[in-house]
PDB file of N, CA and C in Angstrom:
ATOM      1  N   MET A   1      82.325  93.239 112.710  1.00  0.00           N
ATOM      2  CA  MET A   1      83.041  93.783 111.575  1.00  0.00           C
ATOM      3  C   MET A   1      84.494  93.335 111.658  1.00  0.00           C
ATOM      4  N   ASN A   2      85.114  93.014 110.518  1.00  0.00           N
ATOM      5  CA  ASN A   2      86.463  92.466 110.515  1.00  0.00           C
ATOM      6  C   ASN A   2      87.561  93.519 110.499  1.00  0.00           C
ATOM      7  N   GLY A   3      87.228  94.782 110.370  1.00  0.00           N
ATOM      8  CA  GLY A   3      88.220  95.841 110.423  1.00  0.00           C
ATOM      9  C   GLY A   3      88.981  96.062 109.133  1.00  0.00           C
ATOM     10  N   GLN A   4      88.711  95.258 108.105  1.00  0.00           N
ATOM     11  CA  GLN A   4      89.403  95.441 106.835  1.00  0.00           C
ATOM     12  C   GLN A   4      88.789  96.602 106.066  1.00  0.00           C
ATOM     13  N   VAL A   5      89.650  97.359 105.433  1.00  0.00           N
ATOM     14  CA  VAL A   5      89.214  98.490 104.628  1.00  0.00           C
ATOM     15  C   VAL A   5      89.334  98.110 103.162  1.00  0.00           C
ATOM     16  N   SER A   6      88.274  98.330 102.407  1.00  0.00           N
ATOM     17  CA  SER A   6      88.288  98.055 100.975  1.00  0.00           C
ATOM     18  C   SER A   6      88.258  99.369 100.208  1.00  0.00           C
ATOM     19  N   TYR A   7      88.968  99.387  99.096  1.00  0.00           N
ATOM     20  CA  TYR A   7      88.934 100.551  98.214  1.00  0.00           C
ATOM     21  C   TYR A   7      89.259 100.092  96.802  1.00  0.00           C
ATOM     22  N   PHE A   8      88.935 100.915  95.838  1.00  0.00           N
ATOM     23  CA  PHE A   8      89.252 100.626  94.448  1.00  0.00           C
ATOM     24  C   PHE A   8      90.447 101.452  94.017  1.00  0.00           C
ATOM     25  N   VAL A   9      91.224 100.890  93.082  1.00  0.00           N
ATOM     26  CA  VAL A   9      92.236 101.663  92.379  1.00  0.00           C
ATOM     27  C   VAL A   9      91.941 101.558  90.889  1.00  0.00           C
ATOM     28  N   MET A  10      92.085 102.672  90.214  1.00  0.00           N
ATOM     29  CA  MET A  10      91.830 102.757  88.779  1.00  0.00           C
ATOM     30  C   MET A  10      93.155 103.036  88.086  1.00  0.00           C
ATOM     31  N   LEU A  11      93.517 102.155  87.147  1.00  0.00           N
ATOM     32  CA  LEU A  11      94.757 102.294  86.408  1.00  0.00           C
ATOM     33  C   LEU A  11      94.474 102.824  85.011  1.00  0.00           C
ATOM     34  N   PHE A  12      95.456 103.528  84.465  1.00  0.00           N
ATOM     35  CA  PHE A  12      95.327 104.168  83.163  1.00  0.00           C
ATOM     36  C   PHE A  12      96.487 103.765  82.266  1.00  0.00           C
ATOM     37  N   LYS A  13      96.318 103.938  80.964  1.00  0.00           N
ATOM     38  CA  LYS A  13      97.357 103.593  79.989  1.00  0.00           C
ATOM     39  C   LYS A  13      98.595 104.461  80.170  1.00  0.00           C
ATOM     40  N   THR A  14      98.386 105.731  80.486  1.00  0.00           N
ATOM     41  CA  THR A  14      99.504 106.657  80.626  1.00  0.00           C
ATOM     42  C   THR A  14      99.312 107.536  81.861  1.00  0.00           C
ATOM     43  N   MET A  15     100.405 108.145  82.278  1.00  0.00           N
ATOM     44  CA  MET A  15     100.337 109.064  83.410  1.00  0.00           C
ATOM     45  C   MET A  15      99.487 110.281  83.051  1.00  0.00           C
ATOM     46  N   SER A  16      99.536 110.716  81.800  1.00  0.00           N
ATOM     47  CA  SER A  16      98.729 111.877  81.405  1.00  0.00           C
ATOM     48  C   SER A  16      97.234 111.578  81.509  1.00  0.00           C
ATOM     49  N   HIS A  17      96.821 110.325  81.245  1.00  0.00           N
ATOM     50  CA  HIS A  17      95.418 109.952  81.431  1.00  0.00           C
ATOM     51  C   HIS A  17      95.038 110.011  82.917  1.00  0.00           C
ATOM     52  N   ALA A  18      95.930 109.552  83.773  1.00  0.00           N
ATOM     53  CA  ALA A  18      95.667 109.595  85.216  1.00  0.00           C
ATOM     54  C   ALA A  18      95.524 111.035  85.698  1.00  0.00           C
ATOM     55  N   LEU A  19      96.392 111.913  85.209  1.00  0.00           N
ATOM     56  CA  LEU A  19      96.333 113.317  85.616  1.00  0.00           C
ATOM     57  C   LEU A  19      95.080 114.003  85.078  1.00  0.00           C
ATOM     58  N   LYS A  20      94.676 113.645  83.861  1.00  0.00           N
ATOM     59  CA  LYS A  20      93.438 114.200  83.299  1.00  0.00           C
ATOM     60  C   LYS A  20      92.232 113.742  84.120  1.00  0.00           C
ATOM     61  N   ALA A  21      92.206 112.456  84.480  1.00  0.00           N
ATOM     62  CA  ALA A  21      91.108 111.925  85.300  1.00  0.00           C
ATOM     63  C   ALA A  21      91.060 112.641  86.647  1.00  0.00           C
ATOM     64  N   GLU A  22      92.210 112.857  87.242  1.00  0.00           N
ATOM     65  CA  GLU A  22      92.278 113.540  88.536  1.00  0.00           C
ATOM     66  C   GLU A  22      91.711 114.952  88.425  1.00  0.00           C
ATOM     67  N   LYS A  23      92.034 115.640  87.356  1.00  0.00           N
ATOM     68  CA  LYS A  23      91.538 117.001  87.138  1.00  0.00           C
ATOM     69  C   LYS A  23      90.011 117.009  86.984  1.00  0.00           C
ATOM     70  N   ILE A  24      89.487 116.058  86.225  1.00  0.00           N
ATOM     71  CA  ILE A  24      88.036 115.955  86.019  1.00  0.00           C
ATOM     72  C   ILE A  24      87.326 115.680  87.345  1.00  0.00           C
ATOM     73  N   LEU A  25      87.844 114.715  88.115  1.00  0.00           N
ATOM     74  CA  LEU A  25      87.201 114.346  89.380  1.00  0.00           C
ATOM     75  C   LEU A  25      87.283 115.472  90.405  1.00  0.00           C
ATOM     76  N   ARG A  26      88.389 116.191  90.403  1.00  0.00           N
ATOM     77  CA  ARG A  26      88.523 117.336  91.317  1.00  0.00           C
ATOM     78  C   ARG A  26      87.473 118.393  90.964  1.00  0.00           C
ATOM     79  N   HIS A  27      87.304 118.653  89.669  1.00  0.00           N
ATOM     80  CA  HIS A  27      86.300 119.627  89.222  1.00  0.00           C
ATOM     81  C   HIS A  27      84.886 119.197  89.620  1.00  0.00           C
ATOM     82  N   GLU A  28      84.613 117.893  89.542  1.00  0.00           N
ATOM     83  CA  GLU A  28      83.293 117.359  89.895  1.00  0.00           C
ATOM     84  C   GLU A  28      83.130 117.122  91.397  1.00  0.00           C
ATOM     85  N   GLN A  29      84.183 117.374  92.158  1.00  0.00           N
ATOM     86  CA  GLN A  29      84.205 117.223  93.614  1.00  0.00           C
ATOM     87  C   GLN A  29      83.872 115.800  94.061  1.00  0.00           C
ATOM     88  N   LEU A  30      84.385 114.823  93.308  1.00  0.00           N
ATOM     89  CA  LEU A  30      84.241 113.418  93.705  1.00  0.00           C
ATOM     90  C   LEU A  30      85.483 113.016  94.492  1.00  0.00           C
ATOM     91  N   PRO A  31      85.318 112.435  95.677  1.00  0.00           N
ATOM     92  CA  PRO A  31      86.464 112.100  96.527  1.00  0.00           C
ATOM     93  C   PRO A  31      87.346 111.019  95.902  1.00  0.00           C
ATOM     94  N   HIS A  32      88.630 111.285  95.876  1.00  0.00           N
ATOM     95  CA  HIS A  32      89.612 110.378  95.292  1.00  0.00           C
ATOM     96  C   HIS A  32      90.995 110.823  95.756  1.00  0.00           C
ATOM     97  N   LYS A  33      91.997 110.021  95.399  1.00  0.00           N
ATOM     98  CA  LYS A  33      93.368 110.374  95.743  1.00  0.00           C
ATOM     99  C   LYS A  33      94.289 109.745  94.707  1.00  0.00           C
ATOM    100  N   LEU A  34      95.272 110.490  94.233  1.00  0.00           N
ATOM    101  CA  LEU A  34      96.309 109.927  93.375  1.00  0.00           C
ATOM    102  C   LEU A  34      97.332 109.236  94.264  1.00  0.00           C
ATOM    103  N   ILE A  35      97.654 107.992  93.932  1.00  0.00           N
ATOM    104  CA  ILE A  35      98.627 107.229  94.722  1.00  0.00           C
ATOM    105  C   ILE A  35      99.538 106.450  93.771  1.00  0.00           C
ATOM    106  N   PRO A  36     100.696 105.996  94.253  1.00  0.00           N
ATOM    107  CA  PRO A  36     101.509 105.085  93.443  1.00  0.00           C
ATOM    108  C   PRO A  36     100.748 103.774  93.234  1.00  0.00           C
ATOM    109  N   ILE A  37     100.957 103.135  92.099  1.00  0.00           N
ATOM    110  CA  ILE A  37     100.301 101.852  91.837  1.00  0.00           C
ATOM    111  C   ILE A  37     100.769 100.844  92.886  1.00  0.00           C
ATOM    112  N   PRO A  38      99.844 100.189  93.594  1.00  0.00           N
ATOM    113  CA  PRO A  38     100.237  99.201  94.609  1.00  0.00           C
ATOM    114  C   PRO A  38     101.072  98.065  94.005  1.00  0.00           C
ATOM    115  N   LYS A  39     102.091  97.643  94.730  1.00  0.00           N
ATOM    116  CA  LYS A  39     103.000  96.600  94.242  1.00  0.00           C
ATOM    117  C   LYS A  39     102.301  95.277  93.975  1.00  0.00           C
ATOM    118  N   GLN A  40     101.202  94.985  94.708  1.00  0.00           N
ATOM    119  CA  GLN A  40     100.502  93.721  94.482  1.00  0.00           C
ATOM    120  C   GLN A  40      99.755  93.706  93.146  1.00  0.00           C
ATOM    121  N   ILE A  41      99.611  94.874  92.510  1.00  0.00           N
ATOM    122  CA  ILE A  41      98.942  94.948  91.210  1.00  0.00           C
ATOM    123  C   ILE A  41      99.948  94.961  90.074  1.00  0.00           C
ATOM    124  N   SER A  42     101.009  95.762  90.226  1.00  0.00           N
ATOM    125  CA  SER A  42     101.983  95.901  89.148  1.00  0.00           C
ATOM    126  C   SER A  42     103.322  96.343  89.714  1.00  0.00           C
ATOM    127  N   SER A  43     104.385  95.869  89.091  1.00  0.00           N
ATOM    128  CA  SER A  43     105.722  96.309  89.491  1.00  0.00           C
ATOM    129  C   SER A  43     106.116  97.589  88.757  1.00  0.00           C
ATOM    130  N   ASP A  44     105.263  98.031  87.834  1.00  0.00           N
ATOM    131  CA  ASP A  44     105.529  99.265  87.101  1.00  0.00           C
ATOM    132  C   ASP A  44     105.483 100.463  88.038  1.00  0.00           C
ATOM    133  N   CYS A  45     106.312 101.435  87.723  1.00  0.00           N
ATOM    134  CA  CYS A  45     106.209 102.714  88.423  1.00  0.00           C
ATOM    135  C   CYS A  45     105.096 103.496  87.746  1.00  0.00           C
ATOM    136  N   GLY A  46     104.264 104.097  88.515  1.00  0.00           N
ATOM    137  CA  GLY A  46     103.172 104.871  87.943  1.00  0.00           C
ATOM    138  C   GLY A  46     102.213 105.300  89.025  1.00  0.00           C
ATOM    139  N   ILE A  47     101.175 105.982  88.599  1.00  0.00           N
ATOM    140  CA  ILE A  47     100.171 106.456  89.540  1.00  0.00           C
ATOM    141  C   ILE A  47      98.799 105.936  89.135  1.00  0.00           C
ATOM    142  N   CYS A  48      97.926 105.887  90.121  1.00  0.00           N
ATOM    143  CA  CYS A  48      96.552 105.450  89.886  1.00  0.00           C
ATOM    144  C   CYS A  48      95.651 106.278  90.792  1.00  0.00           C
ATOM    145  N   LEU A  49      94.359 106.125  90.594  1.00  0.00           N
ATOM    146  CA  LEU A  49      93.384 106.796  91.451  1.00  0.00           C
ATOM    147  C   LEU A  49      92.856 105.815  92.478  1.00  0.00           C
ATOM    148  N   ARG A  50      92.775 106.250  93.704  1.00  0.00           N
ATOM    149  CA  ARG A  50      92.188 105.452  94.781  1.00  0.00           C
ATOM    150  C   ARG A  50      90.873 106.113  95.185  1.00  0.00           C
ATOM    151  N   PHE A  51      89.834 105.278  95.399  1.00  0.00           N
ATOM    152  CA  PHE A  51      88.548 105.827  95.822  1.00  0.00           C
ATOM    153  C   PHE A  51      87.747 104.769  96.559  1.00  0.00           C
ATOM    154  N   ALA A  52      86.798 105.224  97.351  1.00  0.00           N
ATOM    155  CA  ALA A  52      85.947 104.338  98.149  1.00  0.00           C
ATOM    156  C   ALA A  52      84.949 103.611  97.245  1.00  0.00           C
ATOM    157  N   PRO A  53      84.566 102.388  97.638  1.00  0.00           N
ATOM    158  CA  PRO A  53      83.642 101.591  96.816  1.00  0.00           C
ATOM    159  C   PRO A  53      82.347 102.305  96.444  1.00  0.00           C
ATOM    160  N   GLN A  54      81.797 103.109  97.338  1.00  0.00           N
ATOM    161  CA  GLN A  54      80.522 103.763  97.040  1.00  0.00           C
ATOM    162  C   GLN A  54      80.634 104.805  95.924  1.00  0.00           C
ATOM    163  N   TYR A  55      81.858 105.176  95.533  1.00  0.00           N
ATOM    164  CA  TYR A  55      82.041 106.167  94.472  1.00  0.00           C
ATOM    165  C   TYR A  55      82.394 105.548  93.122  1.00  0.00           C
ATOM    166  N   ARG A  56      82.433 104.212  93.044  1.00  0.00           N
ATOM    167  CA  ARG A  56      82.827 103.592  91.776  1.00  0.00           C
ATOM    168  C   ARG A  56      81.908 104.014  90.624  1.00  0.00           C
ATOM    169  N   ASP A  57      80.610 103.861  90.786  1.00  0.00           N
ATOM    170  CA  ASP A  57      79.682 104.180  89.693  1.00  0.00           C
ATOM    171  C   ASP A  57      79.744 105.653  89.284  1.00  0.00           C
ATOM    172  N   PRO A  58      79.674 106.604  90.227  1.00  0.00           N
ATOM    173  CA  PRO A  58      79.745 108.004  89.794  1.00  0.00           C
ATOM    174  C   PRO A  58      81.085 108.378  89.157  1.00  0.00           C
ATOM    175  N   ILE A  59      82.176 107.790  89.642  1.00  0.00           N
ATOM    176  CA  ILE A  59      83.484 108.090  89.055  1.00  0.00           C
ATOM    177  C   ILE A  59      83.578 107.518  87.648  1.00  0.00           C
ATOM    178  N   GLU A  60      83.151 106.268  87.466  1.00  0.00           N
ATOM    179  CA  GLU A  60      83.168 105.688  86.119  1.00  0.00           C
ATOM    180  C   GLU A  60      82.290 106.494  85.165  1.00  0.00           C
ATOM    181  N   ALA A  61      81.114 106.892  85.610  1.00  0.00           N
ATOM    182  CA  ALA A  61      80.211 107.672  84.759  1.00  0.00           C
ATOM    183  C   ALA A  61      80.834 109.018  84.396  1.00  0.00           C
ATOM    184  N   CYS A  62      81.495 109.632  85.349  1.00  0.00           N
ATOM    185  CA  CYS A  62      82.117 110.930  85.125  1.00  0.00           C
ATOM    186  C   CYS A  62      83.259 110.844  84.106  1.00  0.00           C
ATOM    187  N   LEU A  63      84.012 109.749  84.135  1.00  0.00           N
ATOM    188  CA  LEU A  63      85.175 109.607  83.255  1.00  0.00           C
ATOM    189  C   LEU A  63      84.845 108.928  81.929  1.00  0.00           C
ATOM    190  N   ASN A  64      83.649 108.373  81.808  1.00  0.00           N
ATOM    191  CA  ASN A  64      83.250 107.657  80.597  1.00  0.00           C
ATOM    192  C   ASN A  64      83.401 108.553  79.362  1.00  0.00           C
ATOM    193  N   ASN A  65      84.090 108.024  78.349  1.00  0.00           N
ATOM    194  CA  ASN A  65      84.337 108.722  77.079  1.00  0.00           C
ATOM    195  C   ASN A  65      85.217 109.966  77.213  1.00  0.00           C
ATOM    196  N   LYS A  66      85.874 110.128  78.363  1.00  0.00           N
ATOM    197  CA  LYS A  66      86.775 111.271  78.549  1.00  0.00           C
ATOM    198  C   LYS A  66      88.214 110.820  78.766  1.00  0.00           C
ATOM    199  N   VAL A  67      88.373 109.656  79.404  1.00  0.00           N
ATOM    200  CA  VAL A  67      89.695 109.133  79.741  1.00  0.00           C
ATOM    201  C   VAL A  67      89.684 107.628  79.505  1.00  0.00           C
ATOM    202  N   GLU A  68      90.781 107.110  78.967  1.00  0.00           N
ATOM    203  CA  GLU A  68      90.882 105.668  78.742  1.00  0.00           C
ATOM    204  C   GLU A  68      91.326 104.975  80.033  1.00  0.00           C
ATOM    205  N   ILE A  69      90.434 104.166  80.587  1.00  0.00           N
ATOM    206  CA  ILE A  69      90.712 103.425  81.822  1.00  0.00           C
ATOM    207  C   ILE A  69      91.257 102.055  81.441  1.00  0.00           C
ATOM    208  N   GLU A  70      92.373 101.665  82.056  1.00  0.00           N
ATOM    209  CA  GLU A  70      92.971 100.364  81.757  1.00  0.00           C
ATOM    210  C   GLU A  70      92.350  99.253  82.599  1.00  0.00           C
ATOM    211  N   HIS A  71      92.309  99.427  83.925  1.00  0.00           N
ATOM    212  CA  HIS A  71      91.746  98.428  84.838  1.00  0.00           C
ATOM    213  C   HIS A  71      91.227  99.113  86.099  1.00  0.00           C
ATOM    214  N   ILE A  72      90.291  98.428  86.756  1.00  0.00           N
ATOM    215  CA  ILE A  72      89.835  98.843  88.084  1.00  0.00           C
ATOM    216  C   ILE A  72      89.971  97.626  88.986  1.00  0.00           C
ATOM    217  N   HIS A  73      90.689  97.791  90.087  1.00  0.00           N
ATOM    218  CA  HIS A  73      90.937  96.688  91.020  1.00  0.00           C
ATOM    219  C   HIS A  73      90.362  97.016  92.391  1.00  0.00           C
ATOM    220  N   LEU A  74      89.769  96.016  93.025  1.00  0.00           N
ATOM    221  CA  LEU A  74      89.331  96.142  94.412  1.00  0.00           C
ATOM    222  C   LEU A  74      90.474  95.684  95.306  1.00  0.00           C
ATOM    223  N   ILE A  75      90.853  96.518  96.247  1.00  0.00           N
ATOM    224  CA  ILE A  75      91.909  96.198  97.209  1.00  0.00           C
ATOM    225  C   ILE A  75      91.245  95.996  98.566  1.00  0.00           C
ATOM    226  N   VAL A  76      91.485  94.849  99.179  1.00  0.00           N
ATOM    227  CA  VAL A  76      90.933  94.542 100.499  1.00  0.00           C
ATOM    228  C   VAL A  76      92.097  94.368 101.461  1.00  0.00           C
ATOM    229  N   GLY A  77      91.987  95.007 102.605  1.00  0.00           N
ATOM    230  CA  GLY A  77      93.037  94.822 103.588  1.00  0.00           C
ATOM    231  C   GLY A  77      93.426  96.068 104.171  1.00  0.00           C
TER     232      GLY A  77
END
């Protein structure tokens, strides 16, 4: 194993969308974390959701038609 950790970050159009998504995921007890947007993705100040790869499908399904998702990025390293 190479020791690298992979995770996804989900970006939203607005901070209010990110906060709404966080509230929904907390209610559904899906593991996630609000973090600042990584600099390698955007120089904008803002927040995004971080989650493990195995939770991508359930998180997307949970947020579908409830929150506008801008992008989902895989971060390796």
